Amino acid sequence: MFDYGRSAELFPTRSRKPRRSPLSYKRFDTAAAAIRFAIEELPSELLLGAYLQVDEERFGSDGIRRLYDSSRYPLKRRAASQG
């Protein structure tokens, strides 16, 4: 069973578009916080090839999404935008 309380590292893919402040490796105190950042804050083009490392487990963008959508996800999710 996945432990959302473990520390985690997020490795976004590199964007093909030049940016002023490129996003790179980030370490989080909890996997839940890393998952929330990946889904709610990371631009979709960076999430596509990103992966989450939790101990020896690695999750690609689909795995990150499944963890976020899980009923066991402990944090409040951002409300879906209407539009």
PDB file of N, CA and C in Angstrom:
ATOM      1  N   MET A   1       0.842  -1.175   0.000  1.00  0.00           N
ATOM      2  CA  MET A   1       0.000   0.000   0.000  1.00  0.00           C
ATOM      3  C   MET A   1       0.895   1.249   0.000  1.00  0.00           C
ATOM      4  N   PHE A   2       0.566   2.209  -0.834  1.00  0.00           N
ATOM      5  CA  PHE A   2       1.373   3.416  -0.985  1.00  0.00           C
ATOM      6  C   PHE A   2       1.253   4.305   0.250  1.00  0.00           C
ATOM      7  N   ASP A   3       2.395   4.828   0.721  1.00  0.00           N
ATOM      8  CA  ASP A   3       2.437   5.714   1.889  1.00  0.00           C
ATOM      9  C   ASP A   3       2.636   7.151   1.420  1.00  0.00           C
ATOM     10  N   TYR A   4       1.586   7.943   1.476  1.00  0.00           N
ATOM     11  CA  TYR A   4       1.635   9.341   1.040  1.00  0.00           C
ATOM     12  C   TYR A   4       2.478  10.213   1.969  1.00  0.00           C
ATOM     13  N   GLY A   5       2.841   9.710   3.142  1.00  0.00           N
ATOM     14  CA  GLY A   5       3.611  10.482   4.107  1.00  0.00           C
ATOM     15  C   GLY A   5       5.117  10.405   3.919  1.00  0.00           C
ATOM     16  N   ARG A   6       5.582   9.539   3.035  1.00  0.00           N
ATOM     17  CA  ARG A   6       7.025   9.424   2.798  1.00  0.00           C
ATOM     18  C   ARG A   6       7.533  10.619   2.008  1.00  0.00           C
ATOM     19  N   SER A   7       8.816  10.928   2.168  1.00  0.00           N
ATOM     20  CA  SER A   7       9.403  12.012   1.375  1.00  0.00           C
ATOM     21  C   SER A   7       9.487  11.575  -0.082  1.00  0.00           C
ATOM     22  N   ALA A   8       9.524  12.566  -0.971  1.00  0.00           N
ATOM     23  CA  ALA A   8       9.492  12.260  -2.402  1.00  0.00           C
ATOM     24  C   ALA A   8      10.313  13.269  -3.185  1.00  0.00           C
ATOM     25  N   GLU A   9      10.744  12.835  -4.354  1.00  0.00           N
ATOM     26  CA  GLU A   9      11.465  13.693  -5.281  1.00  0.00           C
ATOM     27  C   GLU A   9      10.701  13.715  -6.597  1.00  0.00           C
ATOM     28  N   LEU A  10      10.582  14.904  -7.171  1.00  0.00           N
ATOM     29  CA  LEU A  10       9.872  15.068  -8.434  1.00  0.00           C
ATOM     30  C   LEU A  10      10.859  15.544  -9.485  1.00  0.00           C
ATOM     31  N   PHE A  11      10.875  14.858 -10.606  1.00  0.00           N
ATOM     32  CA  PHE A  11      11.764  15.185 -11.711  1.00  0.00           C
ATOM     33  C   PHE A  11      10.919  15.521 -12.934  1.00  0.00           C
ATOM     34  N   PRO A  12      10.630  16.820 -13.159  1.00  0.00           N
ATOM     35  CA  PRO A  12       9.855  17.197 -14.350  1.00  0.00           C
ATOM     36  C   PRO A  12      10.698  17.001 -15.604  1.00  0.00           C
ATOM     37  N   THR A  13      10.034  16.794 -16.716  1.00  0.00           N
ATOM     38  CA  THR A  13      10.739  16.735 -17.984  1.00  0.00           C
ATOM     39  C   THR A  13      11.164  18.148 -18.354  1.00  0.00           C
ATOM     40  N   ARG A  14      12.136  18.274 -19.195  1.00  0.00           N
ATOM     41  CA  ARG A  14      12.567  19.607 -19.626  1.00  0.00           C
ATOM     42  C   ARG A  14      11.628  20.128 -20.698  1.00  0.00           C
ATOM     43  N   SER A  15      11.288  21.393 -20.570  1.00  0.00           N
ATOM     44  CA  SER A  15      10.411  22.029 -21.549  1.00  0.00           C
ATOM     45  C   SER A  15      11.195  22.347 -22.813  1.00  0.00           C
ATOM     46  N   ARG A  16      10.536  22.241 -23.945  1.00  0.00           N
ATOM     47  CA  ARG A  16      11.183  22.610 -25.208  1.00  0.00           C
ATOM     48  C   ARG A  16      11.117  24.115 -25.429  1.00  0.00           C
ATOM     49  N   LYS A  17      10.267  24.782 -24.653  1.00  0.00           N
ATOM     50  CA  LYS A  17      10.130  26.233 -24.771  1.00  0.00           C
ATOM     51  C   LYS A  17      11.100  26.906 -23.810  1.00  0.00           C
ATOM     52  N   PRO A  18      11.811  27.934 -24.268  1.00  0.00           N
ATOM     53  CA  PRO A  18      12.695  28.643 -23.338  1.00  0.00           C
ATOM     54  C   PRO A  18      11.879  29.343 -22.257  1.00  0.00           C
ATOM     55  N   ARG A  19      12.395  29.322 -21.052  1.00  0.00           N
ATOM     56  CA  ARG A  19      11.704  29.950 -19.921  1.00  0.00           C
ATOM     57  C   ARG A  19      12.706  30.774 -19.127  1.00  0.00           C
ATOM     58  N   ARG A  20      12.175  31.747 -18.405  1.00  0.00           N
ATOM     59  CA  ARG A  20      13.037  32.544 -17.530  1.00  0.00           C
ATOM     60  C   ARG A  20      13.506  31.718 -16.344  1.00  0.00           C
ATOM     61  N   SER A  21      12.617  30.955 -15.760  1.00  0.00           N
ATOM     62  CA  SER A  21      12.975  30.155 -14.585  1.00  0.00           C
ATOM     63  C   SER A  21      12.545  28.705 -14.806  1.00  0.00           C
ATOM     64  N   PRO A  22      13.420  27.908 -15.404  1.00  0.00           N
ATOM     65  CA  PRO A  22      13.048  26.523 -15.700  1.00  0.00           C
ATOM     66  C   PRO A  22      12.798  25.731 -14.415  1.00  0.00           C
ATOM     67  N   LEU A  23      11.823  24.844 -14.474  1.00  0.00           N
ATOM     68  CA  LEU A  23      11.535  23.979 -13.343  1.00  0.00           C
ATOM     69  C   LEU A  23      12.440  22.768 -13.435  1.00  0.00           C
ATOM     70  N   SER A  24      12.989  22.378 -12.302  1.00  0.00           N
ATOM     71  CA  SER A  24      13.851  21.212 -12.292  1.00  0.00           C
ATOM     72  C   SER A  24      13.512  20.373 -11.065  1.00  0.00           C
ATOM     73  N   TYR A  25      14.400  19.519 -10.695  1.00  0.00           N
ATOM     74  CA  TYR A  25      14.236  18.626  -9.558  1.00  0.00           C
ATOM     75  C   TYR A  25      13.714  19.370  -8.334  1.00  0.00           C
ATOM     76  N   LYS A  26      12.746  18.764  -7.645  1.00  0.00           N
ATOM     77  CA  LYS A  26      12.238  19.309  -6.383  1.00  0.00           C
ATOM     78  C   LYS A  26      12.082  18.166  -5.396  1.00  0.00           C
ATOM     79  N   ARG A  27      12.436  18.442  -4.157  1.00  0.00           N
ATOM     80  CA  ARG A  27      12.262  17.467  -3.079  1.00  0.00           C
ATOM     81  C   ARG A  27      11.124  17.942  -2.183  1.00  0.00           C
ATOM     82  N   PHE A  28      10.292  17.002  -1.737  1.00  0.00           N
ATOM     83  CA  PHE A  28       9.131  17.316  -0.913  1.00  0.00           C
ATOM     84  C   PHE A  28       9.172  16.482   0.367  1.00  0.00           C
ATOM     85  N   ASP A  29       8.669  17.058   1.449  1.00  0.00           N
ATOM     86  CA  ASP A  29       8.609  16.341   2.723  1.00  0.00           C
ATOM     87  C   ASP A  29       7.662  15.148   2.659  1.00  0.00           C
ATOM     88  N   THR A  30       6.605  15.283   1.851  1.00  0.00           N
ATOM     89  CA  THR A  30       5.657  14.170   1.715  1.00  0.00           C
ATOM     90  C   THR A  30       5.360  13.911   0.241  1.00  0.00           C
ATOM     91  N   ALA A  31       5.076  12.667  -0.052  1.00  0.00           N
ATOM     92  CA  ALA A  31       4.686  12.311  -1.418  1.00  0.00           C
ATOM     93  C   ALA A  31       3.384  13.007  -1.789  1.00  0.00           C
ATOM     94  N   ALA A  32       2.484  13.168  -0.818  1.00  0.00           N
ATOM     95  CA  ALA A  32       1.209  13.839  -1.096  1.00  0.00           C
ATOM     96  C   ALA A  32       1.445  15.255  -1.608  1.00  0.00           C
ATOM     97  N   ALA A  33       2.367  15.981  -0.997  1.00  0.00           N
ATOM     98  CA  ALA A  33       2.667  17.349  -1.435  1.00  0.00           C
ATOM     99  C   ALA A  33       3.286  17.349  -2.828  1.00  0.00           C
ATOM    100  N   ALA A  34       4.149  16.389  -3.107  1.00  0.00           N
ATOM    101  CA  ALA A  34       4.769  16.291  -4.431  1.00  0.00           C
ATOM    102  C   ALA A  34       3.721  15.991  -5.497  1.00  0.00           C
ATOM    103  N   ILE A  35       2.809  15.096  -5.180  1.00  0.00           N
ATOM    104  CA  ILE A  35       1.744  14.728  -6.120  1.00  0.00           C
ATOM    105  C   ILE A  35       0.846  15.924  -6.383  1.00  0.00           C
ATOM    106  N   ARG A  36       0.481  16.640  -5.325  1.00  0.00           N
ATOM    107  CA  ARG A  36      -0.369  17.821  -5.505  1.00  0.00           C
ATOM    108  C   ARG A  36       0.335  18.855  -6.377  1.00  0.00           C
ATOM    109  N   PHE A  37       1.617  19.101  -6.131  1.00  0.00           N
ATOM    110  CA  PHE A  37       2.364  20.057  -6.948  1.00  0.00           C
ATOM    111  C   PHE A  37       2.380  19.610  -8.408  1.00  0.00           C
ATOM    112  N   ALA A  38       2.673  18.335  -8.633  1.00  0.00           N
ATOM    113  CA  ALA A  38       2.766  17.822 -10.001  1.00  0.00           C
ATOM    114  C   ALA A  38       1.454  17.995 -10.758  1.00  0.00           C
ATOM    115  N   ILE A  39       0.349  17.692 -10.123  1.00  0.00           N
ATOM    116  CA  ILE A  39      -0.952  17.737 -10.797  1.00  0.00           C
ATOM    117  C   ILE A  39      -1.517  19.147 -10.858  1.00  0.00           C
ATOM    118  N   GLU A  40      -1.388  19.911  -9.784  1.00  0.00           N
ATOM    119  CA  GLU A  40      -2.059  21.206  -9.706  1.00  0.00           C
ATOM    120  C   GLU A  40      -1.200  22.390 -10.137  1.00  0.00           C
ATOM    121  N   GLU A  41       0.118  22.268 -10.078  1.00  0.00           N
ATOM    122  CA  GLU A  41       0.983  23.417 -10.352  1.00  0.00           C
ATOM    123  C   GLU A  41       1.880  23.245 -11.579  1.00  0.00           C
ATOM    124  N   LEU A  42       2.305  22.051 -11.848  1.00  0.00           N
ATOM    125  CA  LEU A  42       3.253  21.809 -12.937  1.00  0.00           C
ATOM    126  C   LEU A  42       2.564  21.976 -14.287  1.00  0.00           C
ATOM    127  N   PRO A  43       3.157  22.738 -15.198  1.00  0.00           N
ATOM    128  CA  PRO A  43       2.567  22.852 -16.541  1.00  0.00           C
ATOM    129  C   PRO A  43       2.441  21.462 -17.181  1.00  0.00           C
ATOM    130  N   SER A  44       1.365  21.246 -17.908  1.00  0.00           N
ATOM    131  CA  SER A  44       1.076  19.914 -18.454  1.00  0.00           C
ATOM    132  C   SER A  44       2.197  19.372 -19.331  1.00  0.00           C
ATOM    133  N   GLU A  45       2.894  20.252 -20.064  1.00  0.00           N
ATOM    134  CA  GLU A  45       3.980  19.758 -20.918  1.00  0.00           C
ATOM    135  C   GLU A  45       5.156  19.242 -20.097  1.00  0.00           C
ATOM    136  N   LEU A  46       5.308  19.717 -18.854  1.00  0.00           N
ATOM    137  CA  LEU A  46       6.374  19.210 -17.990  1.00  0.00           C
ATOM    138  C   LEU A  46       5.944  17.957 -17.238  1.00  0.00           C
ATOM    139  N   LEU A  47       4.642  17.815 -17.003  1.00  0.00           N
ATOM    140  CA  LEU A  47       4.142  16.623 -16.317  1.00  0.00           C
ATOM    141  C   LEU A  47       4.224  15.396 -17.211  1.00  0.00           C
ATOM    142  N   LEU A  48       4.052  15.575 -18.503  1.00  0.00           N
ATOM    143  CA  LEU A  48       3.990  14.450 -19.437  1.00  0.00           C
ATOM    144  C   LEU A  48       5.166  13.486 -19.293  1.00  0.00           C
ATOM    145  N   GLY A  49       6.377  13.980 -19.187  1.00  0.00           N
ATOM    146  CA  GLY A  49       7.533  13.096 -19.058  1.00  0.00           C
ATOM    147  C   GLY A  49       8.121  13.068 -17.663  1.00  0.00           C
ATOM    148  N   ALA A  50       7.400  13.629 -16.698  1.00  0.00           N
ATOM    149  CA  ALA A  50       7.905  13.710 -15.326  1.00  0.00           C
ATOM    150  C   ALA A  50       7.830  12.354 -14.639  1.00  0.00           C
ATOM    151  N   TYR A  51       8.623  12.220 -13.579  1.00  0.00           N
ATOM    152  CA  TYR A  51       8.451  11.054 -12.723  1.00  0.00           C
ATOM    153  C   TYR A  51       8.661  11.433 -11.266  1.00  0.00           C
ATOM    154  N   LEU A  52       8.011  10.673 -10.417  1.00  0.00           N
ATOM    155  CA  LEU A  52       8.045  10.847  -8.972  1.00  0.00           C
ATOM    156  C   LEU A  52       8.811   9.679  -8.389  1.00  0.00           C
ATOM    157  N   GLN A  53       9.799   9.967  -7.562  1.00  0.00           N
ATOM    158  CA  GLN A  53      10.590   8.922  -6.911  1.00  0.00           C
ATOM    159  C   GLN A  53      10.258   8.939  -5.423  1.00  0.00           C
ATOM    160  N   VAL A  54       9.771   7.814  -4.913  1.00  0.00           N
ATOM    161  CA  VAL A  54       9.458   7.656  -3.495  1.00  0.00           C
ATOM    162  C   VAL A  54      10.187   6.404  -3.040  1.00  0.00           C
ATOM    163  N   ASP A  55      11.229   6.595  -2.233  1.00  0.00           N
ATOM    164  CA  ASP A  55      12.127   5.502  -1.875  1.00  0.00           C
ATOM    165  C   ASP A  55      12.625   4.857  -3.175  1.00  0.00           C
ATOM    166  N   GLU A  56      12.387   3.578  -3.354  1.00  0.00           N
ATOM    167  CA  GLU A  56      12.853   2.890  -4.561  1.00  0.00           C
ATOM    168  C   GLU A  56      11.773   2.768  -5.630  1.00  0.00           C
ATOM    169  N   GLU A  57      10.606   3.346  -5.383  1.00  0.00           N
ATOM    170  CA  GLU A  57       9.510   3.284  -6.352  1.00  0.00           C
ATOM    171  C   GLU A  57       9.515   4.514  -7.246  1.00  0.00           C
ATOM    172  N   ARG A  58       9.226   4.293  -8.519  1.00  0.00           N
ATOM    173  CA  ARG A  58       9.151   5.380  -9.491  1.00  0.00           C
ATOM    174  C   ARG A  58       7.784   5.370 -10.158  1.00  0.00           C
ATOM    175  N   PHE A  59       7.206   6.578 -10.293  1.00  0.00           N
ATOM    176  CA  PHE A  59       5.884   6.721 -10.900  1.00  0.00           C
ATOM    177  C   PHE A  59       5.967   7.746 -12.015  1.00  0.00           C
ATOM    178  N   GLY A  60       5.529   7.368 -13.212  1.00  0.00           N
ATOM    179  CA  GLY A  60       5.455   8.296 -14.334  1.00  0.00           C
ATOM    180  C   GLY A  60       4.217   9.168 -14.207  1.00  0.00           C
ATOM    181  N   SER A  61       3.958   9.965 -15.224  1.00  0.00           N
ATOM    182  CA  SER A  61       2.830  10.900 -15.158  1.00  0.00           C
ATOM    183  C   SER A  61       1.493  10.178 -14.946  1.00  0.00           C
ATOM    184  N   ASP A  62       1.301   9.019 -15.562  1.00  0.00           N
ATOM    185  CA  ASP A  62       0.053   8.269 -15.357  1.00  0.00           C
ATOM    186  C   ASP A  62      -0.058   7.765 -13.917  1.00  0.00           C
ATOM    187  N   GLY A  63       1.060   7.302 -13.369  1.00  0.00           N
ATOM    188  CA  GLY A  63       1.070   6.840 -11.981  1.00  0.00           C
ATOM    189  C   GLY A  63       0.825   7.971 -11.001  1.00  0.00           C
ATOM    190  N   ILE A  64       1.399   9.130 -11.278  1.00  0.00           N
ATOM    191  CA  ILE A  64       1.177  10.309 -10.436  1.00  0.00           C
ATOM    192  C   ILE A  64      -0.306  10.659 -10.449  1.00  0.00           C
ATOM    193  N   ARG A  65      -0.914  10.642 -11.610  1.00  0.00           N
ATOM    194  CA  ARG A  65      -2.348  10.948 -11.735  1.00  0.00           C
ATOM    195  C   ARG A  65      -3.187   9.932 -10.962  1.00  0.00           C
ATOM    196  N   ARG A  66      -2.848   8.638 -11.053  1.00  0.00           N
ATOM    197  CA  ARG A  66      -3.598   7.608 -10.320  1.00  0.00           C
ATOM    198  C   ARG A  66      -3.499   7.823  -8.807  1.00  0.00           C
ATOM    199  N   LEU A  67      -2.310   8.189  -8.331  1.00  0.00           N
ATOM    200  CA  LEU A  67      -2.139   8.446  -6.898  1.00  0.00           C
ATOM    201  C   LEU A  67      -2.961   9.653  -6.457  1.00  0.00           C
ATOM    202  N   TYR A  68      -3.021  10.678  -7.294  1.00  0.00           N
ATOM    203  CA  TYR A  68      -3.804  11.885  -6.991  1.00  0.00           C
ATOM    204  C   TYR A  68      -5.299  11.574  -6.984  1.00  0.00           C
ATOM    205  N   ASP A  69      -5.741  10.754  -7.916  1.00  0.00           N
ATOM    206  CA  ASP A  69      -7.161  10.419  -8.040  1.00  0.00           C
ATOM    207  C   ASP A  69      -7.630   9.368  -7.031  1.00  0.00           C
ATOM    208  N   SER A  70      -6.699   8.727  -6.354  1.00  0.00           N
ATOM    209  CA  SER A  70      -7.040   7.665  -5.412  1.00  0.00           C
ATOM    210  C   SER A  70      -7.893   8.184  -4.256  1.00  0.00           C
ATOM    211  N   SER A  71      -8.798   7.345  -3.780  1.00  0.00           N
ATOM    212  CA  SER A  71      -9.605   7.708  -2.608  1.00  0.00           C
ATOM    213  C   SER A  71      -8.739   7.816  -1.355  1.00  0.00           C
ATOM    214  N   ARG A  72      -7.537   7.279  -1.392  1.00  0.00           N
ATOM    215  CA  ARG A  72      -6.620   7.339  -0.257  1.00  0.00           C
ATOM    216  C   ARG A  72      -5.777   8.620  -0.244  1.00  0.00           C
ATOM    217  N   TYR A  73      -5.827   9.413  -1.300  1.00  0.00           N
ATOM    218  CA  TYR A  73      -5.054  10.659  -1.353  1.00  0.00           C
ATOM    219  C   TYR A  73      -5.485  11.550  -0.188  1.00  0.00           C
ATOM    220  N   PRO A  74      -4.543  11.972   0.690  1.00  0.00           N
ATOM    221  CA  PRO A  74      -4.937  12.613   1.951  1.00  0.00           C
ATOM    222  C   PRO A  74      -5.200  14.118   1.905  1.00  0.00           C
ATOM    223  N   LEU A  75      -4.807  14.802   0.857  1.00  0.00           N
ATOM    224  CA  LEU A  75      -4.946  16.256   0.820  1.00  0.00           C
ATOM    225  C   LEU A  75      -6.203  16.679   0.072  1.00  0.00           C
ATOM    226  N   LYS A  76      -6.643  17.884   0.366  1.00  0.00           N
ATOM    227  CA  LYS A  76      -7.791  18.441  -0.347  1.00  0.00           C
ATOM    228  C   LYS A  76      -7.360  18.763  -1.773  1.00  0.00           C
ATOM    229  N   ARG A  77      -8.170  18.368  -2.723  1.00  0.00           N
ATOM    230  CA  ARG A  77      -7.866  18.624  -4.129  1.00  0.00           C
ATOM    231  C   ARG A  77      -8.394  19.990  -4.528  1.00  0.00           C
ATOM    232  N   ARG A  78      -7.707  20.609  -5.466  1.00  0.00           N
ATOM    233  CA  ARG A  78      -8.185  21.878  -6.016  1.00  0.00           C
ATOM    234  C   ARG A  78      -9.479  21.611  -6.771  1.00  0.00           C
ATOM    235  N   ALA A  79     -10.437  22.491  -6.616  1.00  0.00           N
ATOM    236  CA  ALA A  79     -11.707  22.349  -7.335  1.00  0.00           C
ATOM    237  C   ALA A  79     -11.455  22.465  -8.829  1.00  0.00           C
ATOM    238  N   ALA A  80     -12.102  21.628  -9.595  1.00  0.00           N
ATOM    239  CA  ALA A  80     -11.960  21.674 -11.055  1.00  0.00           C
ATOM    240  C   ALA A  80     -12.512  22.995 -11.564  1.00  0.00           C
ATOM    241  N   SER A  81     -11.787  23.602 -12.492  1.00  0.00           N
ATOM    242  CA  SER A  81     -12.254  24.880 -13.039  1.00  0.00           C
ATOM    243  C   SER A  81     -13.443  24.638 -13.953  1.00  0.00           C
ATOM    244  N   GLN A  82     -14.366  25.546 -13.907  1.00  0.00           N
ATOM    245  CA  GLN A  82     -15.556  25.459 -14.752  1.00  0.00           C
ATOM    246  C   GLN A  82     -15.265  26.152 -16.071  1.00  0.00           C
ATOM    247  N   GLY A  83     -15.564  25.525 -17.166  1.00  0.00           N
ATOM    248  CA  GLY A  83     -15.318  26.214 -18.413  1.00  0.00           C
ATOM    249  C   GLY A  83     -15.425  25.362 -19.531  1.00  0.00           C
TER     250      GLY A  83
END
